[in-house]
Amino acid sequence: MAQNQLFDLTGQVALVTGAGSGLGRDAARAYAASGAAVALLDVNTDGINALERELTDAGHRALAITTDVASEEQVRDAIDTAKETLGDIDIVLNDAGIFARDSAETFTDEEWDRVFAVNLKSILLTTRYVIDGFKARGYGKIVNISSVNARYVEADDTYVRDSYYSSKAAVLGLTRALAARYAKYGVTVNAIGPGLFKTGITANNFEAEGFAEAYNKVNPSGRYGRDGELNGTVLFLSSHASDYVQGQFIIVDGGYSLV
């Protein structure tokens, strides 16, 4: 393959969960700019509808589908709709994620189950309903958004969220299991561990006095992630550039996890 085609997604279809805001929205824009049609899944209907308008107005193919990714029925129907409208899916970016401020002492069954359903079970569900097509065509890309917190957690009680840390660590185990199982079919499965980016899920942290300044002091880059700075890694793992990359976890955190 020519060097200038490694990251070209022309003619492909990408499905993005959590596309209504934050890193998922950024990734959807990057997919569209690289030539892919994009199915936008989220419970945030306003967010994905606005993004669909933005992308289609710019000449791209995009489809917003309101979906609770913890629901098997809704995921199945969303994928069927995406395939009927945009064509066979080539790429899945599992970005949908939530967290609860909980610990072993404070968690509720409802909160714990919901975090794991959105952060982990949703990956199984999207895989279940795209994998037959991937196997039939001998190609497919699954990219799972985990977190730097899958490896490095905060001891400060201010930011305790044990269900989130656990679910994001579990994403790594699932990524490796799926990669090992489907590699022989030409399907790659990898994970990304973002550090701190200012998104909807982290907005409350930034409201705490001195939070950003304290984080910047301990990150060797001296700052948190900016809009679009995860896109390069997303596109790498979603394109032919990563066809021999399997079951890996790439941390994108400006060096925070080094110190």
C-alpha atoms as a PDB file:
ATOM      1  CA  MET A   1       0.000   0.000   0.000  1.00  0.00           C
ATOM      2  CA  ALA A   2       1.252   3.471  -0.889  1.00  0.00           C
ATOM      3  CA  GLN A   3       2.449   5.545   2.038  1.00  0.00           C
ATOM      4  CA  ASN A   4      -0.127   8.251   1.416  1.00  0.00           C
ATOM      5  CA  GLN A   5      -2.970   5.718   1.643  1.00  0.00           C
ATOM      6  CA  LEU A   6      -2.162   4.272   5.063  1.00  0.00           C
ATOM      7  CA  PHE A   7      -4.550   6.585   6.913  1.00  0.00           C
ATOM      8  CA  ASP A   8      -7.084   7.014   4.101  1.00  0.00           C
ATOM      9  CA  LEU A   9     -10.558   5.849   5.143  1.00  0.00           C
ATOM     10  CA  THR A  10     -12.341   6.721   1.907  1.00  0.00           C
ATOM     11  CA  GLY A  11     -15.269   4.384   1.303  1.00  0.00           C
ATOM     12  CA  GLN A  12     -15.245   2.973   4.823  1.00  0.00           C
ATOM     13  CA  VAL A  13     -17.922   3.242   7.495  1.00  0.00           C
ATOM     14  CA  ALA A  14     -17.057   4.023  11.108  1.00  0.00           C
ATOM     15  CA  LEU A  15     -19.403   3.560  14.037  1.00  0.00           C
ATOM     16  CA  VAL A  16     -18.677   5.736  17.079  1.00  0.00           C
ATOM     17  CA  THR A  17     -20.309   5.299  20.474  1.00  0.00           C
ATOM     18  CA  GLY A  18     -20.285   8.310  22.763  1.00  0.00           C
ATOM     19  CA  ALA A  19     -20.223  10.533  19.685  1.00  0.00           C
ATOM     20  CA  GLY A  20     -22.341  13.307  21.167  1.00  0.00           C
ATOM     21  CA  SER A  21     -19.520  15.105  22.946  1.00  0.00           C
ATOM     22  CA  GLY A  22     -15.881  15.067  23.976  1.00  0.00           C
ATOM     23  CA  LEU A  23     -13.391  12.600  22.562  1.00  0.00           C
ATOM     24  CA  GLY A  24     -16.033  10.659  20.633  1.00  0.00           C
ATOM     25  CA  ARG A  25     -17.173  13.793  18.842  1.00  0.00           C
ATOM     26  CA  ASP A  26     -13.571  14.706  18.026  1.00  0.00           C
ATOM     27  CA  ALA A  27     -12.952  11.218  16.642  1.00  0.00           C
ATOM     28  CA  ALA A  28     -16.100  11.294  14.516  1.00  0.00           C
ATOM     29  CA  ARG A  29     -14.912  14.532  12.941  1.00  0.00           C
ATOM     30  CA  ALA A  30     -11.515  12.976  12.266  1.00  0.00           C
ATOM     31  CA  TYR A  31     -13.065   9.910  10.649  1.00  0.00           C
ATOM     32  CA  ALA A  32     -15.193  12.089   8.382  1.00  0.00           C
ATOM     33  CA  ALA A  33     -12.221  14.259   7.430  1.00  0.00           C
ATOM     34  CA  SER A  34     -10.327  11.071   6.518  1.00  0.00           C
ATOM     35  CA  GLY A  35     -13.069   9.968   4.137  1.00  0.00           C
ATOM     36  CA  ALA A  36     -15.257   7.664   6.215  1.00  0.00           C
ATOM     37  CA  ALA A  37     -19.008   7.765   6.602  1.00  0.00           C
ATOM     38  CA  VAL A  38     -19.824   7.938  10.302  1.00  0.00           C
ATOM     39  CA  ALA A  39     -22.631   6.466  12.416  1.00  0.00           C
ATOM     40  CA  LEU A  40     -23.013   8.581  15.551  1.00  0.00           C
ATOM     41  CA  LEU A  41     -24.362   6.731  18.607  1.00  0.00           C
ATOM     42  CA  ASP A  42     -25.156   8.360  21.945  1.00  0.00           C
ATOM     43  CA  VAL A  43     -27.963   8.898  24.437  1.00  0.00           C
ATOM     44  CA  ASN A  44     -27.268  12.612  23.911  1.00  0.00           C
ATOM     45  CA  THR A  45     -29.681  13.158  21.029  1.00  0.00           C
ATOM     46  CA  ASP A  46     -29.042  16.889  20.756  1.00  0.00           C
ATOM     47  CA  GLY A  47     -25.294  16.327  20.599  1.00  0.00           C
ATOM     48  CA  ILE A  48     -25.329  13.746  17.826  1.00  0.00           C
ATOM     49  CA  ASN A  49     -27.994  15.587  15.831  1.00  0.00           C
ATOM     50  CA  ALA A  50     -25.881  18.741  15.901  1.00  0.00           C
ATOM     51  CA  LEU A  51     -22.816  16.759  14.840  1.00  0.00           C
ATOM     52  CA  GLU A  52     -24.734  15.068  12.028  1.00  0.00           C
ATOM     53  CA  ARG A  53     -25.755  18.498  10.703  1.00  0.00           C
ATOM     54  CA  GLU A  54     -22.201  19.786  11.004  1.00  0.00           C
ATOM     55  CA  LEU A  55     -20.723  16.852   9.106  1.00  0.00           C
ATOM     56  CA  THR A  56     -23.367  16.647   6.398  1.00  0.00           C
ATOM     57  CA  ASP A  57     -23.197  20.414   5.836  1.00  0.00           C
ATOM     58  CA  ALA A  58     -19.465  19.925   5.236  1.00  0.00           C
ATOM     59  CA  GLY A  59     -20.197  17.291   2.584  1.00  0.00           C
ATOM     60  CA  HIS A  60     -19.632  14.159   4.670  1.00  0.00           C
ATOM     61  CA  ARG A  61     -21.943  11.195   5.198  1.00  0.00           C
ATOM     62  CA  ALA A  62     -23.144  10.923   8.781  1.00  0.00           C
ATOM     63  CA  LEU A  63     -26.082   9.429  10.631  1.00  0.00           C
ATOM     64  CA  ALA A  64     -27.172  10.180  14.204  1.00  0.00           C
ATOM     65  CA  ILE A  65     -28.811   7.274  16.052  1.00  0.00           C
ATOM     66  CA  THR A  66     -29.954   7.790  19.630  1.00  0.00           C
ATOM     67  CA  THR A  67     -28.730   4.700  21.471  1.00  0.00           C
ATOM     68  CA  ASP A  68     -28.248   3.499  25.015  1.00  0.00           C
ATOM     69  CA  VAL A  69     -25.195   1.314  24.439  1.00  0.00           C
ATOM     70  CA  ALA A  70     -25.978  -0.713  27.568  1.00  0.00           C
ATOM     71  CA  SER A  71     -29.102  -2.055  25.834  1.00  0.00           C
ATOM     72  CA  GLU A  72     -28.541  -5.023  23.533  1.00  0.00           C
ATOM     73  CA  GLU A  73     -31.744  -4.322  21.626  1.00  0.00           C
ATOM     74  CA  GLN A  74     -30.818  -0.693  21.003  1.00  0.00           C
ATOM     75  CA  VAL A  75     -27.258  -1.549  19.935  1.00  0.00           C
ATOM     76  CA  ARG A  76     -28.500  -4.238  17.547  1.00  0.00           C
ATOM     77  CA  ASP A  77     -31.081  -1.910  16.024  1.00  0.00           C
ATOM     78  CA  ALA A  78     -28.595   0.959  15.737  1.00  0.00           C
ATOM     79  CA  ILE A  79     -26.090  -1.196  13.900  1.00  0.00           C
ATOM     80  CA  ASP A  80     -28.795  -2.505  11.564  1.00  0.00           C
ATOM     81  CA  THR A  81     -29.869   1.078  10.829  1.00  0.00           C
ATOM     82  CA  ALA A  82     -26.297   2.195  10.235  1.00  0.00           C
ATOM     83  CA  LYS A  83     -25.672  -0.655   7.800  1.00  0.00           C
ATOM     84  CA  GLU A  84     -28.911  -0.027   5.918  1.00  0.00           C
ATOM     85  CA  THR A  85     -28.169   3.689   5.529  1.00  0.00           C
ATOM     86  CA  LEU A  86     -24.380   3.924   5.279  1.00  0.00           C
ATOM     87  CA  GLY A  87     -23.243   0.427   4.292  1.00  0.00           C
ATOM     88  CA  ASP A  88     -21.211  -2.319   5.937  1.00  0.00           C
ATOM     89  CA  ILE A  89     -19.328  -1.188   9.024  1.00  0.00           C
ATOM     90  CA  ASP A  90     -15.526  -1.327   8.876  1.00  0.00           C
ATOM     91  CA  ILE A  91     -14.525   0.453  12.089  1.00  0.00           C
ATOM     92  CA  VAL A  92     -15.976   0.564  15.590  1.00  0.00           C
ATOM     93  CA  LEU A  93     -14.782   3.116  18.119  1.00  0.00           C
ATOM     94  CA  ASN A  94     -16.142   2.237  21.553  1.00  0.00           C
ATOM     95  CA  ASP A  95     -15.902   5.578  23.330  1.00  0.00           C
ATOM     96  CA  ALA A  96     -19.075   5.678  25.434  1.00  0.00           C
ATOM     97  CA  GLY A  97     -18.186   5.967  29.093  1.00  0.00           C
ATOM     98  CA  ILE A  98     -19.499   7.156  32.444  1.00  0.00           C
ATOM     99  CA  PHE A  99     -18.273   7.187  36.020  1.00  0.00           C
ATOM    100  CA  ALA A 100     -19.667   7.404  39.519  1.00  0.00           C
ATOM    101  CA  ARG A 101     -17.892   8.796  42.561  1.00  0.00           C
ATOM    102  CA  ASP A 102     -17.883   5.584  44.561  1.00  0.00           C
ATOM    103  CA  SER A 103     -15.705   3.296  46.624  1.00  0.00           C
ATOM    104  CA  ALA A 104     -15.933  -0.171  48.151  1.00  0.00           C
ATOM    105  CA  GLU A 105     -17.584   1.507  51.124  1.00  0.00           C
ATOM    106  CA  THR A 106     -20.101   3.644  49.269  1.00  0.00           C
ATOM    107  CA  PHE A 107     -21.039   2.001  45.972  1.00  0.00           C
ATOM    108  CA  THR A 108     -24.585   0.947  45.147  1.00  0.00           C
ATOM    109  CA  ASP A 109     -25.467  -2.036  42.990  1.00  0.00           C
ATOM    110  CA  GLU A 110     -27.294   0.234  40.585  1.00  0.00           C
ATOM    111  CA  GLU A 111     -24.331   2.581  40.075  1.00  0.00           C
ATOM    112  CA  TRP A 112     -21.802  -0.239  39.784  1.00  0.00           C
ATOM    113  CA  ASP A 113     -23.880  -2.192  37.271  1.00  0.00           C
ATOM    114  CA  ARG A 114     -24.582   0.886  35.158  1.00  0.00           C
ATOM    115  CA  VAL A 115     -20.896   1.866  34.959  1.00  0.00           C
ATOM    116  CA  PHE A 116     -19.905  -1.635  33.879  1.00  0.00           C
ATOM    117  CA  ALA A 117     -22.800  -1.883  31.434  1.00  0.00           C
ATOM    118  CA  VAL A 118     -21.826   1.321  29.627  1.00  0.00           C
ATOM    119  CA  ASN A 119     -18.038   1.065  29.911  1.00  0.00           C
ATOM    120  CA  LEU A 120     -17.554  -2.667  29.336  1.00  0.00           C
ATOM    121  CA  LYS A 121     -20.662  -4.570  28.275  1.00  0.00           C
ATOM    122  CA  SER A 122     -21.270  -2.109  25.429  1.00  0.00           C
ATOM    123  CA  ILE A 123     -18.014  -3.258  23.813  1.00  0.00           C
ATOM    124  CA  LEU A 124     -19.245  -6.844  23.813  1.00  0.00           C
ATOM    125  CA  LEU A 125     -22.543  -5.723  22.319  1.00  0.00           C
ATOM    126  CA  THR A 126     -21.093  -3.726  19.432  1.00  0.00           C
ATOM    127  CA  THR A 127     -18.656  -6.553  18.723  1.00  0.00           C
ATOM    128  CA  ARG A 128     -21.469  -9.116  18.722  1.00  0.00           C
ATOM    129  CA  TYR A 129     -23.358  -7.270  15.995  1.00  0.00           C
ATOM    130  CA  VAL A 130     -20.459  -6.322  13.702  1.00  0.00           C
ATOM    131  CA  ILE A 131     -18.205  -9.349  13.954  1.00  0.00           C
ATOM    132  CA  ASP A 132     -19.985 -11.550  11.398  1.00  0.00           C
ATOM    133  CA  GLY A 133     -19.513  -8.862   8.759  1.00  0.00           C
ATOM    134  CA  PHE A 134     -15.871  -8.376   9.726  1.00  0.00           C
ATOM    135  CA  LYS A 135     -15.194 -12.109   9.497  1.00  0.00           C
ATOM    136  CA  ALA A 136     -16.971 -12.422   6.154  1.00  0.00           C
ATOM    137  CA  ARG A 137     -14.907  -9.599   4.625  1.00  0.00           C
ATOM    138  CA  GLY A 138     -11.646 -10.557   6.346  1.00  0.00           C
ATOM    139  CA  TYR A 139     -11.178  -7.078   7.754  1.00  0.00           C
ATOM    140  CA  GLY A 140     -12.331  -4.885  10.614  1.00  0.00           C
ATOM    141  CA  LYS A 141     -11.065  -2.447  13.235  1.00  0.00           C
ATOM    142  CA  ILE A 142     -12.228  -2.268  16.841  1.00  0.00           C
ATOM    143  CA  VAL A 143     -10.791   0.539  18.955  1.00  0.00           C
ATOM    144  CA  ASN A 144     -11.718   0.662  22.625  1.00  0.00           C
ATOM    145  CA  ILE A 145     -11.323   3.799  24.701  1.00  0.00           C
ATOM    146  CA  SER A 146     -10.062   2.787  28.121  1.00  0.00           C
ATOM    147  CA  SER A 147      -8.220   5.259  30.371  1.00  0.00           C
ATOM    148  CA  VAL A 148      -4.812   5.936  31.858  1.00  0.00           C
ATOM    149  CA  ASN A 149      -6.655   5.036  35.071  1.00  0.00           C
ATOM    150  CA  ALA A 150      -6.734   1.432  33.907  1.00  0.00           C
ATOM    151  CA  ARG A 151      -3.103   1.362  35.051  1.00  0.00           C
ATOM    152  CA  TYR A 152      -2.693   4.370  37.349  1.00  0.00           C
ATOM    153  CA  VAL A 153      -5.311   5.394  39.902  1.00  0.00           C
ATOM    154  CA  GLU A 154      -5.752   8.379  42.196  1.00  0.00           C
ATOM    155  CA  ALA A 155      -5.391   7.759  45.930  1.00  0.00           C
ATOM    156  CA  ASP A 156      -6.950  11.126  46.791  1.00  0.00           C
ATOM    157  CA  ASP A 157     -10.450  10.545  48.171  1.00  0.00           C
ATOM    158  CA  THR A 158     -11.613  13.643  46.299  1.00  0.00           C
ATOM    159  CA  TYR A 159     -11.504  11.718  43.021  1.00  0.00           C
ATOM    160  CA  VAL A 160     -12.353   8.195  44.190  1.00  0.00           C
ATOM    161  CA  ARG A 161     -14.290   6.227  41.583  1.00  0.00           C
ATOM    162  CA  ASP A 162     -13.586   2.548  42.052  1.00  0.00           C
ATOM    163  CA  SER A 163     -16.183   1.296  39.575  1.00  0.00           C
ATOM    164  CA  TYR A 164     -14.715   3.496  36.829  1.00  0.00           C
ATOM    165  CA  TYR A 165     -11.134   2.390  37.498  1.00  0.00           C
ATOM    166  CA  SER A 166     -12.214  -1.255  37.565  1.00  0.00           C
ATOM    167  CA  SER A 167     -14.300  -1.033  34.404  1.00  0.00           C
ATOM    168  CA  LYS A 168     -11.526   0.660  32.450  1.00  0.00           C
ATOM    169  CA  ALA A 169      -9.020  -1.975  33.578  1.00  0.00           C
ATOM    170  CA  ALA A 170     -11.484  -4.646  32.475  1.00  0.00           C
ATOM    171  CA  VAL A 171     -11.582  -3.047  29.013  1.00  0.00           C
ATOM    172  CA  LEU A 172      -7.914  -4.015  28.626  1.00  0.00           C
ATOM    173  CA  GLY A 173      -8.606  -7.657  29.411  1.00  0.00           C
ATOM    174  CA  LEU A 174     -11.522  -7.723  27.005  1.00  0.00           C
ATOM    175  CA  THR A 175      -9.439  -6.021  24.311  1.00  0.00           C
ATOM    176  CA  ARG A 176      -6.770  -8.703  24.564  1.00  0.00           C
ATOM    177  CA  ALA A 177      -9.347 -11.507  24.545  1.00  0.00           C
ATOM    178  CA  LEU A 178     -11.093 -10.171  21.444  1.00  0.00           C
ATOM    179  CA  ALA A 179      -7.781  -9.502  19.695  1.00  0.00           C
ATOM    180  CA  ALA A 180      -6.594 -13.059  20.255  1.00  0.00           C
ATOM    181  CA  ARG A 181      -9.896 -14.519  19.109  1.00  0.00           C
ATOM    182  CA  TYR A 182     -10.409 -12.515  15.932  1.00  0.00           C
ATOM    183  CA  ALA A 183      -6.886 -11.839  14.658  1.00  0.00           C
ATOM    184  CA  LYS A 184      -7.083 -14.823  12.306  1.00  0.00           C
ATOM    185  CA  TYR A 185     -10.007 -13.147  10.552  1.00  0.00           C
ATOM    186  CA  GLY A 186      -8.097  -9.954   9.770  1.00  0.00           C
ATOM    187  CA  VAL A 187      -9.749  -8.045  12.611  1.00  0.00           C
ATOM    188  CA  THR A 188      -7.608  -5.883  14.881  1.00  0.00           C
ATOM    189  CA  VAL A 189      -8.679  -4.949  18.402  1.00  0.00           C
ATOM    190  CA  ASN A 190      -6.728  -2.371  20.386  1.00  0.00           C
ATOM    191  CA  ALA A 191      -7.262   0.089  23.216  1.00  0.00           C
ATOM    192  CA  ILE A 192      -6.322   3.683  23.974  1.00  0.00           C
ATOM    193  CA  GLY A 193      -5.753   5.136  27.428  1.00  0.00           C
ATOM    194  CA  PRO A 194      -6.395   8.874  27.383  1.00  0.00           C
ATOM    195  CA  GLY A 195      -4.997  10.948  30.198  1.00  0.00           C
ATOM    196  CA  LEU A 196      -6.778  14.104  31.269  1.00  0.00           C
ATOM    197  CA  PHE A 197      -8.756  15.893  28.574  1.00  0.00           C
ATOM    198  CA  LYS A 198     -11.387  18.520  29.287  1.00  0.00           C
ATOM    199  CA  THR A 199     -14.614  16.747  28.315  1.00  0.00           C
ATOM    200  CA  GLY A 200     -18.106  16.332  29.683  1.00  0.00           C
ATOM    201  CA  ILE A 201     -17.054  13.403  31.855  1.00  0.00           C
ATOM    202  CA  THR A 202     -14.211  15.397  33.469  1.00  0.00           C
ATOM    203  CA  ALA A 203     -15.927  18.790  33.650  1.00  0.00           C
ATOM    204  CA  ASN A 204     -16.643  18.496  37.372  1.00  0.00           C
ATOM    205  CA  ASN A 205     -12.941  18.025  38.095  1.00  0.00           C
ATOM    206  CA  PHE A 206     -12.106  21.281  36.378  1.00  0.00           C
ATOM    207  CA  GLU A 207     -14.644  23.100  38.521  1.00  0.00           C
ATOM    208  CA  ALA A 208     -12.630  22.266  41.633  1.00  0.00           C
ATOM    209  CA  GLU A 209     -10.421  25.183  42.641  1.00  0.00           C
ATOM    210  CA  GLY A 210      -6.798  24.621  41.670  1.00  0.00           C
ATOM    211  CA  PHE A 211      -7.440  21.281  39.943  1.00  0.00           C
ATOM    212  CA  ALA A 212      -6.036  22.158  36.516  1.00  0.00           C
ATOM    213  CA  GLU A 213      -3.028  23.961  37.984  1.00  0.00           C
ATOM    214  CA  ALA A 214      -2.180  21.026  40.250  1.00  0.00           C
ATOM    215  CA  TYR A 215      -2.469  18.543  37.379  1.00  0.00           C
ATOM    216  CA  ASN A 216      -0.315  20.656  35.097  1.00  0.00           C
ATOM    217  CA  LYS A 217       2.448  20.713  37.709  1.00  0.00           C
ATOM    218  CA  VAL A 218       2.723  16.923  37.836  1.00  0.00           C
ATOM    219  CA  ASN A 219       2.429  16.301  34.085  1.00  0.00           C
ATOM    220  CA  PRO A 220       5.814  16.564  32.327  1.00  0.00           C
ATOM    221  CA  SER A 221       4.074  18.319  29.422  1.00  0.00           C
ATOM    222  CA  GLY A 222       2.756  20.942  31.829  1.00  0.00           C
ATOM    223  CA  ARG A 223      -0.823  20.745  30.595  1.00  0.00           C
ATOM    224  CA  TYR A 224      -3.869  18.576  29.990  1.00  0.00           C
ATOM    225  CA  GLY A 225      -4.955  17.260  26.581  1.00  0.00           C
ATOM    226  CA  ARG A 226      -6.387  19.583  23.955  1.00  0.00           C
ATOM    227  CA  ASP A 227      -9.237  19.036  21.522  1.00  0.00           C
ATOM    228  CA  GLY A 228      -8.207  16.681  18.736  1.00  0.00           C
ATOM    229  CA  GLU A 229      -5.006  15.416  20.350  1.00  0.00           C
ATOM    230  CA  LEU A 230      -6.325  11.866  20.603  1.00  0.00           C
ATOM    231  CA  ASN A 231      -7.301  11.747  16.946  1.00  0.00           C
ATOM    232  CA  GLY A 232      -3.916  10.676  15.594  1.00  0.00           C
ATOM    233  CA  THR A 233      -3.894   7.557  17.734  1.00  0.00           C
ATOM    234  CA  VAL A 234      -7.531   6.830  16.900  1.00  0.00           C
ATOM    235  CA  LEU A 235      -6.848   7.094  13.164  1.00  0.00           C
ATOM    236  CA  PHE A 236      -3.708   4.969  13.430  1.00  0.00           C
ATOM    237  CA  LEU A 237      -5.581   2.119  15.112  1.00  0.00           C
ATOM    238  CA  SER A 238      -8.548   2.509  12.737  1.00  0.00           C
ATOM    239  CA  SER A 239      -6.570   2.397   9.489  1.00  0.00           C
ATOM    240  CA  HIS A 240      -4.311   0.110   7.465  1.00  0.00           C
ATOM    241  CA  ALA A 241      -1.358   1.721   9.244  1.00  0.00           C
ATOM    242  CA  SER A 242      -2.036  -0.624  12.188  1.00  0.00           C
ATOM    243  CA  ASP A 243      -2.885  -3.862  10.381  1.00  0.00           C
ATOM    244  CA  TYR A 244      -0.179  -5.765  12.321  1.00  0.00           C
ATOM    245  CA  VAL A 245      -0.959  -4.173  15.694  1.00  0.00           C
ATOM    246  CA  GLN A 246      -3.007  -6.483  17.898  1.00  0.00           C
ATOM    247  CA  GLY A 247      -4.251  -6.312  21.481  1.00  0.00           C
ATOM    248  CA  GLN A 248      -2.216  -3.258  22.433  1.00  0.00           C
ATOM    249  CA  PHE A 249      -2.860  -0.423  24.895  1.00  0.00           C
ATOM    250  CA  ILE A 250      -1.553   3.001  23.912  1.00  0.00           C
ATOM    251  CA  ILE A 251      -1.527   5.669  26.620  1.00  0.00           C
ATOM    252  CA  VAL A 252      -1.957   9.253  25.430  1.00  0.00           C
ATOM    253  CA  ASP A 253      -1.383  11.443  28.467  1.00  0.00           C
ATOM    254  CA  GLY A 254       1.454  13.878  27.795  1.00  0.00           C
ATOM    255  CA  GLY A 255       3.745  11.850  30.048  1.00  0.00           C
ATOM    256  CA  TYR A 256       1.585  11.918  33.182  1.00  0.00           C
ATOM    257  CA  SER A 257       2.023   8.179  33.733  1.00  0.00           C
ATOM    258  CA  LEU A 258       5.818   8.462  33.571  1.00  0.00           C
ATOM    259  CA  VAL A 259       6.206  10.162  36.941  1.00  0.00           C
END
